[in-house]
Amino acid sequence: MHPKEFIDRNVRQILLAAGFSDEATHQACKEAVSHYEKTPAFRKGAVFSECLRVAKRMAKILQKKQRQQERAESKKKGKVAA
């Protein structure tokens, strides 16, 4: 298994188990692999943990944006119906 595949597969499992949405997880996995490709050197033994940290941060941001959009849409629907 290539390191990129390892990072993608394991980050995806961890984020889905943590309750993040599929869309946020997908984008966060792409960001983790991108971070792996862009970073020239990692601390010894910290490649996966660093990529996971980046992915979690991205997933939290995306999840927050999704919730805000859902709230805004539900408020618009409520105003139109009232």
PDB file of N, CA and C in Angstrom:
ATOM      1  N   MET A   1       0.850  -1.176   0.000  1.00  0.00           N
ATOM      2  CA  MET A   1       0.000   0.000   0.000  1.00  0.00           C
ATOM      3  C   MET A   1       0.898   1.243   0.000  1.00  0.00           C
ATOM      4  N   HIS A   2       0.575   2.157  -0.853  1.00  0.00           N
ATOM      5  CA  HIS A   2       1.314   3.407  -0.958  1.00  0.00           C
ATOM      6  C   HIS A   2       0.978   4.291   0.247  1.00  0.00           C
ATOM      7  N   PRO A   3       1.923   5.116   0.714  1.00  0.00           N
ATOM      8  CA  PRO A   3       1.643   5.978   1.872  1.00  0.00           C
ATOM      9  C   PRO A   3       0.420   6.882   1.688  1.00  0.00           C
ATOM     10  N   LYS A   4       0.191   7.367   0.470  1.00  0.00           N
ATOM     11  CA  LYS A   4      -0.976   8.218   0.226  1.00  0.00           C
ATOM     12  C   LYS A   4      -2.265   7.441   0.452  1.00  0.00           C
ATOM     13  N   GLU A   5      -2.292   6.201  -0.003  1.00  0.00           N
ATOM     14  CA  GLU A   5      -3.474   5.353   0.202  1.00  0.00           C
ATOM     15  C   GLU A   5      -3.677   5.068   1.682  1.00  0.00           C
ATOM     16  N   PHE A   6      -2.584   4.813   2.391  1.00  0.00           N
ATOM     17  CA  PHE A   6      -2.653   4.548   3.826  1.00  0.00           C
ATOM     18  C   PHE A   6      -3.239   5.747   4.564  1.00  0.00           C
ATOM     19  N   ILE A   7      -2.736   6.926   4.258  1.00  0.00           N
ATOM     20  CA  ILE A   7      -3.222   8.143   4.911  1.00  0.00           C
ATOM     21  C   ILE A   7      -4.694   8.350   4.598  1.00  0.00           C
ATOM     22  N   ASP A   8      -5.070   8.238   3.335  1.00  0.00           N
ATOM     23  CA  ASP A   8      -6.460   8.451   2.935  1.00  0.00           C
ATOM     24  C   ASP A   8      -7.397   7.466   3.634  1.00  0.00           C
ATOM     25  N   ARG A   9      -7.078   6.197   3.587  1.00  0.00           N
ATOM     26  CA  ARG A   9      -7.950   5.166   4.144  1.00  0.00           C
ATOM     27  C   ARG A   9      -8.106   5.307   5.663  1.00  0.00           C
ATOM     28  N   ASN A  10      -7.002   5.498   6.362  1.00  0.00           N
ATOM     29  CA  ASN A  10      -7.058   5.547   7.817  1.00  0.00           C
ATOM     30  C   ASN A  10      -7.633   6.856   8.350  1.00  0.00           C
ATOM     31  N   VAL A  11      -7.324   7.954   7.696  1.00  0.00           N
ATOM     32  CA  VAL A  11      -7.922   9.235   8.095  1.00  0.00           C
ATOM     33  C   VAL A  11      -9.430   9.180   7.883  1.00  0.00           C
ATOM     34  N   ARG A  12      -9.866   8.602   6.767  1.00  0.00           N
ATOM     35  CA  ARG A  12     -11.297   8.475   6.475  1.00  0.00           C
ATOM     36  C   ARG A  12     -12.001   7.660   7.566  1.00  0.00           C
ATOM     37  N   GLN A  13     -11.407   6.543   7.968  1.00  0.00           N
ATOM     38  CA  GLN A  13     -12.002   5.705   9.011  1.00  0.00           C
ATOM     39  C   GLN A  13     -12.134   6.467  10.321  1.00  0.00           C
ATOM     40  N   ILE A  14     -11.096   7.173  10.703  1.00  0.00           N
ATOM     41  CA  ILE A  14     -11.099   7.893  11.976  1.00  0.00           C
ATOM     42  C   ILE A  14     -12.126   9.022  11.963  1.00  0.00           C
ATOM     43  N   LEU A  15     -12.185   9.779  10.875  1.00  0.00           N
ATOM     44  CA  LEU A  15     -13.120  10.903  10.814  1.00  0.00           C
ATOM     45  C   LEU A  15     -14.573  10.434  10.763  1.00  0.00           C
ATOM     46  N   LEU A  16     -14.849   9.376  10.019  1.00  0.00           N
ATOM     47  CA  LEU A  16     -16.216   8.850   9.976  1.00  0.00           C
ATOM     48  C   LEU A  16     -16.626   8.304  11.340  1.00  0.00           C
ATOM     49  N   ALA A  17     -15.695   7.659  12.035  1.00  0.00           N
ATOM     50  CA  ALA A  17     -15.981   7.150  13.376  1.00  0.00           C
ATOM     51  C   ALA A  17     -16.219   8.297  14.359  1.00  0.00           C
ATOM     52  N   ALA A  18     -15.601   9.447  14.098  1.00  0.00           N
ATOM     53  CA  ALA A  18     -15.778  10.614  14.961  1.00  0.00           C
ATOM     54  C   ALA A  18     -17.087  11.350  14.676  1.00  0.00           C
ATOM     55  N   GLY A  19     -17.796  10.959  13.616  1.00  0.00           N
ATOM     56  CA  GLY A  19     -19.103  11.536  13.343  1.00  0.00           C
ATOM     57  C   GLY A  19     -19.133  12.657  12.324  1.00  0.00           C
ATOM     58  N   PHE A  20     -18.082  12.843  11.577  1.00  0.00           N
ATOM     59  CA  PHE A  20     -18.082  13.876  10.551  1.00  0.00           C
ATOM     60  C   PHE A  20     -18.864  13.401   9.333  1.00  0.00           C
ATOM     61  N   SER A  21     -19.408  14.342   8.573  1.00  0.00           N
ATOM     62  CA  SER A  21     -20.189  13.997   7.384  1.00  0.00           C
ATOM     63  C   SER A  21     -19.278  13.439   6.291  1.00  0.00           C
ATOM     64  N   ASP A  22     -19.896  12.767   5.324  1.00  0.00           N
ATOM     65  CA  ASP A  22     -19.129  12.177   4.221  1.00  0.00           C
ATOM     66  C   ASP A  22     -18.406  13.250   3.410  1.00  0.00           C
ATOM     67  N   GLU A  23     -19.093  14.351   3.158  1.00  0.00           N
ATOM     68  CA  GLU A  23     -18.496  15.425   2.363  1.00  0.00           C
ATOM     69  C   GLU A  23     -17.299  16.051   3.080  1.00  0.00           C
ATOM     70  N   ALA A  24     -17.465  16.335   4.367  1.00  0.00           N
ATOM     71  CA  ALA A  24     -16.369  16.919   5.144  1.00  0.00           C
ATOM     72  C   ALA A  24     -15.200  15.943   5.238  1.00  0.00           C
ATOM     73  N   THR A  25     -15.506  14.665   5.397  1.00  0.00           N
ATOM     74  CA  THR A  25     -14.461  13.641   5.480  1.00  0.00           C
ATOM     75  C   THR A  25     -13.694  13.542   4.170  1.00  0.00           C
ATOM     76  N   HIS A  26     -14.410  13.563   3.061  1.00  0.00           N
ATOM     77  CA  HIS A  26     -13.764  13.467   1.748  1.00  0.00           C
ATOM     78  C   HIS A  26     -12.796  14.632   1.530  1.00  0.00           C
ATOM     79  N   GLN A  27     -13.258  15.838   1.796  1.00  0.00           N
ATOM     80  CA  GLN A  27     -12.406  17.014   1.607  1.00  0.00           C
ATOM     81  C   GLN A  27     -11.215  16.998   2.567  1.00  0.00           C
ATOM     82  N   ALA A  28     -11.448  16.565   3.799  1.00  0.00           N
ATOM     83  CA  ALA A  28     -10.372  16.514   4.786  1.00  0.00           C
ATOM     84  C   ALA A  28      -9.315  15.486   4.397  1.00  0.00           C
ATOM     85  N   CYS A  29      -9.735  14.370   3.830  1.00  0.00           N
ATOM     86  CA  CYS A  29      -8.777  13.353   3.369  1.00  0.00           C
ATOM     87  C   CYS A  29      -7.927  13.895   2.225  1.00  0.00           C
ATOM     88  N   LYS A  30      -8.553  14.620   1.325  1.00  0.00           N
ATOM     89  CA  LYS A  30      -7.797  15.235   0.234  1.00  0.00           C
ATOM     90  C   LYS A  30      -6.772  16.223   0.789  1.00  0.00           C
ATOM     91  N   GLU A  31      -7.171  16.967   1.806  1.00  0.00           N
ATOM     92  CA  GLU A  31      -6.265  17.933   2.422  1.00  0.00           C
ATOM     93  C   GLU A  31      -5.109  17.226   3.132  1.00  0.00           C
ATOM     94  N   ALA A  32      -5.375  16.100   3.784  1.00  0.00           N
ATOM     95  CA  ALA A  32      -4.320  15.347   4.472  1.00  0.00           C
ATOM     96  C   ALA A  32      -3.295  14.808   3.476  1.00  0.00           C
ATOM     97  N   VAL A  33      -3.763  14.262   2.372  1.00  0.00           N
ATOM     98  CA  VAL A  33      -2.852  13.740   1.347  1.00  0.00           C
ATOM     99  C   VAL A  33      -2.067  14.890   0.715  1.00  0.00           C
ATOM    100  N   SER A  34      -2.732  16.006   0.487  1.00  0.00           N
ATOM    101  CA  SER A  34      -2.059  17.176  -0.061  1.00  0.00           C
ATOM    102  C   SER A  34      -0.965  17.666   0.895  1.00  0.00           C
ATOM    103  N   HIS A  35      -1.263  17.669   2.179  1.00  0.00           N
ATOM    104  CA  HIS A  35      -0.280  18.072   3.186  1.00  0.00           C
ATOM    105  C   HIS A  35       0.923  17.124   3.154  1.00  0.00           C
ATOM    106  N   TYR A  36       0.653  15.837   3.013  1.00  0.00           N
ATOM    107  CA  TYR A  36       1.730  14.845   2.916  1.00  0.00           C
ATOM    108  C   TYR A  36       2.612  15.126   1.699  1.00  0.00           C
ATOM    109  N   GLU A  37       1.992  15.448   0.579  1.00  0.00           N
ATOM    110  CA  GLU A  37       2.751  15.701  -0.647  1.00  0.00           C
ATOM    111  C   GLU A  37       3.561  16.993  -0.573  1.00  0.00           C
ATOM    112  N   LYS A  38       3.029  18.009   0.081  1.00  0.00           N
ATOM    113  CA  LYS A  38       3.671  19.321   0.111  1.00  0.00           C
ATOM    114  C   LYS A  38       4.775  19.440   1.159  1.00  0.00           C
ATOM    115  N   THR A  39       4.675  18.672   2.242  1.00  0.00           N
ATOM    116  CA  THR A  39       5.614  18.823   3.345  1.00  0.00           C
ATOM    117  C   THR A  39       6.900  18.048   3.050  1.00  0.00           C
ATOM    118  N   PRO A  40       8.035  18.737   3.030  1.00  0.00           N
ATOM    119  CA  PRO A  40       9.286  18.058   2.684  1.00  0.00           C
ATOM    120  C   PRO A  40       9.828  17.146   3.785  1.00  0.00           C
ATOM    121  N   ALA A  41       9.551  17.468   5.045  1.00  0.00           N
ATOM    122  CA  ALA A  41      10.078  16.659   6.144  1.00  0.00           C
ATOM    123  C   ALA A  41       9.108  16.697   7.322  1.00  0.00           C
ATOM    124  N   PHE A  42       8.989  15.574   7.980  1.00  0.00           N
ATOM    125  CA  PHE A  42       8.158  15.463   9.172  1.00  0.00           C
ATOM    126  C   PHE A  42       9.051  15.085  10.349  1.00  0.00           C
ATOM    127  N   ARG A  43       8.541  15.320  11.558  1.00  0.00           N
ATOM    128  CA  ARG A  43       9.261  14.822  12.726  1.00  0.00           C
ATOM    129  C   ARG A  43       9.296  13.298  12.650  1.00  0.00           C
ATOM    130  N   LYS A  44      10.273  12.717  13.262  1.00  0.00           N
ATOM    131  CA  LYS A  44      10.438  11.260  13.202  1.00  0.00           C
ATOM    132  C   LYS A  44       9.202  10.563  13.761  1.00  0.00           C
ATOM    133  N   GLY A  45       8.581   9.735  12.937  1.00  0.00           N
ATOM    134  CA  GLY A  45       7.422   8.954  13.355  1.00  0.00           C
ATOM    135  C   GLY A  45       6.128   9.738  13.459  1.00  0.00           C
ATOM    136  N   ALA A  46       6.087  10.940  12.934  1.00  0.00           N
ATOM    137  CA  ALA A  46       4.906  11.778  13.106  1.00  0.00           C
ATOM    138  C   ALA A  46       4.195  12.090  11.798  1.00  0.00           C
ATOM    139  N   VAL A  47       4.445  11.330  10.765  1.00  0.00           N
ATOM    140  CA  VAL A  47       3.832  11.621   9.468  1.00  0.00           C
ATOM    141  C   VAL A  47       2.319  11.488   9.556  1.00  0.00           C
ATOM    142  N   PHE A  48       1.841  10.340  10.021  1.00  0.00           N
ATOM    143  CA  PHE A  48       0.399  10.112  10.054  1.00  0.00           C
ATOM    144  C   PHE A  48      -0.294  11.046  11.037  1.00  0.00           C
ATOM    145  N   SER A  49       0.285  11.229  12.215  1.00  0.00           N
ATOM    146  CA  SER A  49      -0.359  12.083  13.216  1.00  0.00           C
ATOM    147  C   SER A  49      -0.463  13.526  12.727  1.00  0.00           C
ATOM    148  N   GLU A  50       0.534  13.990  12.010  1.00  0.00           N
ATOM    149  CA  GLU A  50       0.499  15.349  11.462  1.00  0.00           C
ATOM    150  C   GLU A  50      -0.582  15.475  10.387  1.00  0.00           C
ATOM    151  N   CYS A  51      -0.673  14.479   9.515  1.00  0.00           N
ATOM    152  CA  CYS A  51      -1.700  14.500   8.471  1.00  0.00           C
ATOM    153  C   CYS A  51      -3.096  14.397   9.084  1.00  0.00           C
ATOM    154  N   LEU A  52      -3.242  13.589  10.119  1.00  0.00           N
ATOM    155  CA  LEU A  52      -4.530  13.457  10.802  1.00  0.00           C
ATOM    156  C   LEU A  52      -4.921  14.772  11.469  1.00  0.00           C
ATOM    157  N   ARG A  53      -3.959  15.462  12.057  1.00  0.00           N
ATOM    158  CA  ARG A  53      -4.238  16.750  12.695  1.00  0.00           C
ATOM    159  C   ARG A  53      -4.765  17.751  11.672  1.00  0.00           C
ATOM    160  N   VAL A  54      -4.133  17.795  10.509  1.00  0.00           N
ATOM    161  CA  VAL A  54      -4.565  18.702   9.438  1.00  0.00           C
ATOM    162  C   VAL A  54      -5.969  18.326   8.968  1.00  0.00           C
ATOM    163  N   ALA A  55      -6.219  17.035   8.822  1.00  0.00           N
ATOM    164  CA  ALA A  55      -7.529  16.567   8.355  1.00  0.00           C
ATOM    165  C   ALA A  55      -8.625  16.894   9.366  1.00  0.00           C
ATOM    166  N   LYS A  56      -8.366  16.706  10.642  1.00  0.00           N
ATOM    167  CA  LYS A  56      -9.372  17.013  11.668  1.00  0.00           C
ATOM    168  C   LYS A  56      -9.701  18.501  11.680  1.00  0.00           C
ATOM    169  N   ARG A  57      -8.669  19.317  11.549  1.00  0.00           N
ATOM    170  CA  ARG A  57      -8.900  20.765  11.528  1.00  0.00           C
ATOM    171  C   ARG A  57      -9.771  21.148  10.333  1.00  0.00           C
ATOM    172  N   MET A  58      -9.486  20.581   9.171  1.00  0.00           N
ATOM    173  CA  MET A  58     -10.268  20.864   7.969  1.00  0.00           C
ATOM    174  C   MET A  58     -11.695  20.352   8.117  1.00  0.00           C
ATOM    175  N   ALA A  59     -11.855  19.155   8.652  1.00  0.00           N
ATOM    176  CA  ALA A  59     -13.189  18.572   8.811  1.00  0.00           C
ATOM    177  C   ALA A  59     -14.044  19.412   9.759  1.00  0.00           C
ATOM    178  N   LYS A  60     -13.458  19.920  10.826  1.00  0.00           N
ATOM    179  CA  LYS A  60     -14.208  20.761  11.767  1.00  0.00           C
ATOM    180  C   LYS A  60     -14.684  22.040  11.087  1.00  0.00           C
ATOM    181  N   ILE A  61     -13.816  22.646  10.300  1.00  0.00           N
ATOM    182  CA  ILE A  61     -14.186  23.873   9.592  1.00  0.00           C
ATOM    183  C   ILE A  61     -15.313  23.599   8.602  1.00  0.00           C
ATOM    184  N   LEU A  62     -15.183  22.531   7.827  1.00  0.00           N
ATOM    185  CA  LEU A  62     -16.202  22.201   6.826  1.00  0.00           C
ATOM    186  C   LEU A  62     -17.527  21.827   7.475  1.00  0.00           C
ATOM    187  N   GLN A  63     -17.474  21.077   8.572  1.00  0.00           N
ATOM    188  CA  GLN A  63     -18.692  20.677   9.275  1.00  0.00           C
ATOM    189  C   GLN A  63     -19.417  21.918   9.806  1.00  0.00           C
ATOM    190  N   LYS A  64     -18.657  22.867  10.328  1.00  0.00           N
ATOM    191  CA  LYS A  64     -19.241  24.101  10.846  1.00  0.00           C
ATOM    192  C   LYS A  64     -19.921  24.892   9.725  1.00  0.00           C
ATOM    193  N   LYS A  65     -19.266  24.987   8.565  1.00  0.00           N
ATOM    194  CA  LYS A  65     -19.855  25.701   7.426  1.00  0.00           C
ATOM    195  C   LYS A  65     -21.128  25.018   6.944  1.00  0.00           C
ATOM    196  N   GLN A  66     -21.124  23.687   6.915  1.00  0.00           N
ATOM    197  CA  GLN A  66     -22.311  22.948   6.483  1.00  0.00           C
ATOM    198  C   GLN A  66     -23.483  23.205   7.429  1.00  0.00           C
ATOM    199  N   ARG A  67     -23.220  23.210   8.717  1.00  0.00           N
ATOM    200  CA  ARG A  67     -24.292  23.460   9.695  1.00  0.00           C
ATOM    201  C   ARG A  67     -24.838  24.876   9.555  1.00  0.00           C
ATOM    202  N   GLN A  68     -23.950  25.839   9.320  1.00  0.00           N
ATOM    203  CA  GLN A  68     -24.398  27.217   9.149  1.00  0.00           C
ATOM    204  C   GLN A  68     -25.266  27.353   7.907  1.00  0.00           C
ATOM    205  N   GLN A  69     -24.890  26.682   6.828  1.00  0.00           N
ATOM    206  CA  GLN A  69     -25.684  26.734   5.602  1.00  0.00           C
ATOM    207  C   GLN A  69     -27.041  26.076   5.811  1.00  0.00           C
ATOM    208  N   GLU A  70     -27.078  24.963   6.535  1.00  0.00           N
ATOM    209  CA  GLU A  70     -28.346  24.284   6.803  1.00  0.00           C
ATOM    210  C   GLU A  70     -29.270  25.170   7.637  1.00  0.00           C
ATOM    211  N   ARG A  71     -28.702  25.849   8.626  1.00  0.00           N
ATOM    212  CA  ARG A  71     -29.514  26.752   9.452  1.00  0.00           C
ATOM    213  C   ARG A  71     -30.059  27.904   8.615  1.00  0.00           C
ATOM    214  N   ALA A  72     -29.219  28.465   7.757  1.00  0.00           N
ATOM    215  CA  ALA A  72     -29.647  29.582   6.916  1.00  0.00           C
ATOM    216  C   ALA A  72     -30.755  29.145   5.967  1.00  0.00           C
ATOM    217  N   GLU A  73     -30.628  27.950   5.404  1.00  0.00           N
ATOM    218  CA  GLU A  73     -31.660  27.443   4.496  1.00  0.00           C
ATOM    219  C   GLU A  73     -32.963  27.178   5.235  1.00  0.00           C
ATOM    220  N   SER A  74     -32.863  26.645   6.444  1.00  0.00           N
ATOM    221  CA  SER A  74     -34.085  26.363   7.196  1.00  0.00           C
ATOM    222  C   SER A  74     -34.768  27.661   7.631  1.00  0.00           C
ATOM    223  N   LYS A  75     -33.999  28.698   7.923  1.00  0.00           N
ATOM    224  CA  LYS A  75     -34.593  29.989   8.275  1.00  0.00           C
ATOM    225  C   LYS A  75     -35.300  30.600   7.072  1.00  0.00           C
ATOM    226  N   LYS A  76     -34.690  30.479   5.885  1.00  0.00           N
ATOM    227  CA  LYS A  76     -35.315  31.013   4.673  1.00  0.00           C
ATOM    228  C   LYS A  76     -36.618  30.288   4.383  1.00  0.00           C
ATOM    229  N   LYS A  77     -36.612  28.985   4.536  1.00  0.00           N
ATOM    230  CA  LYS A  77     -37.825  28.207   4.294  1.00  0.00           C
ATOM    231  C   LYS A  77     -38.903  28.567   5.300  1.00  0.00           C
ATOM    232  N   GLY A  78     -38.501  28.801   6.526  1.00  0.00           N
ATOM    233  CA  GLY A  78     -39.464  29.167   7.564  1.00  0.00           C
ATOM    234  C   GLY A  78     -40.095  30.523   7.302  1.00  0.00           C
ATOM    235  N   LYS A  79     -39.332  31.476   6.810  1.00  0.00           N
ATOM    236  CA  LYS A  79     -39.851  32.810   6.526  1.00  0.00           C
ATOM    237  C   LYS A  79     -40.792  32.795   5.330  1.00  0.00           C
ATOM    238  N   VAL A  80     -40.484  32.015   4.328  1.00  0.00           N
ATOM    239  CA  VAL A  80     -41.321  31.947   3.133  1.00  0.00           C
ATOM    240  C   VAL A  80     -42.653  31.293   3.469  1.00  0.00           C
ATOM    241  N   ALA A  81     -42.629  30.255   4.273  1.00  0.00           N
ATOM    242  CA  ALA A  81     -43.845  29.524   4.613  1.00  0.00           C
ATOM    243  C   ALA A  81     -44.731  30.326   5.561  1.00  0.00           C
ATOM    244  N   ALA A  82     -44.166  31.207   6.350  1.00  0.00           N
ATOM    245  CA  ALA A  82     -44.944  31.944   7.350  1.00  0.00           C
ATOM    246  C   ALA A  82     -45.684  33.091   6.799  1.00  0.00           C
TER     247      ALA A  82
END
